[in-house]
Amino acid sequence: MTHCLQCAAFAALNTDKNLAVEFCNTAIEFNPTFWSPWTTRGLVTYPEPSAVADFEKAVELREISWHPYYYLAVEALANGRYPEAASWSEEALRHNPNARAKAQMLMALGIAHMSLNSPANETHRLFEEANQLAPTDAWIQHNWSVYETAVGRPKVASEFENHIKPLETRDEYLARQLN
């Protein structure tokens, strides 16, 4: 029953976000200790702040997919919480994300390491692996370029932070959802 409601939520998302949220709410009421409807509602409502709480609840319930960890990493990175971004990125990577998400988590982890002044060789490995996995991803290419510039001359972490590009703005996300 829970999976049927989740499928209905994703189907409704294309036409009526409120209906999609309602399907998720019903699935949560039906089985509040199952992680999946929490993740689904987070995906439906992202990037709203309530999505973060839903992803955190899914993690608390031992979610097995990479999705909530990925979005929690993105949120932490966007808010400059680098230790947390690194932790969530590592957890997302342990949950076998698809290639694009893996590349983005490697880049997020690299940004966190760079900002935390982690060893240069590990940071470089993360940036390089992300670039190799997704050579056409605009976010990765932008941050790869910023990284190469940063390591080409002495920089402090705060200067690096001023040039990194967030993974996706709220407006970009919403525009992508409407297409």
Foldseek 3Di string as FASTA:
>chain_A
DLVVLLVVLVVCLLPHLVSSLVSLVVSCVVPVLALVSLQSNLVSPPPDPVSLVSLVSSVVSPPLALRSLLVQLLVCLVVVVLVSNLVSLVVSVVSDDPLLSVLVSLLSNLLSCLLVVHDPVSSVVSLVVSCVSCVPQPLSVQLNVLVVVCVVDPDHSVVSSVRRDRPADPVRVVVVSND
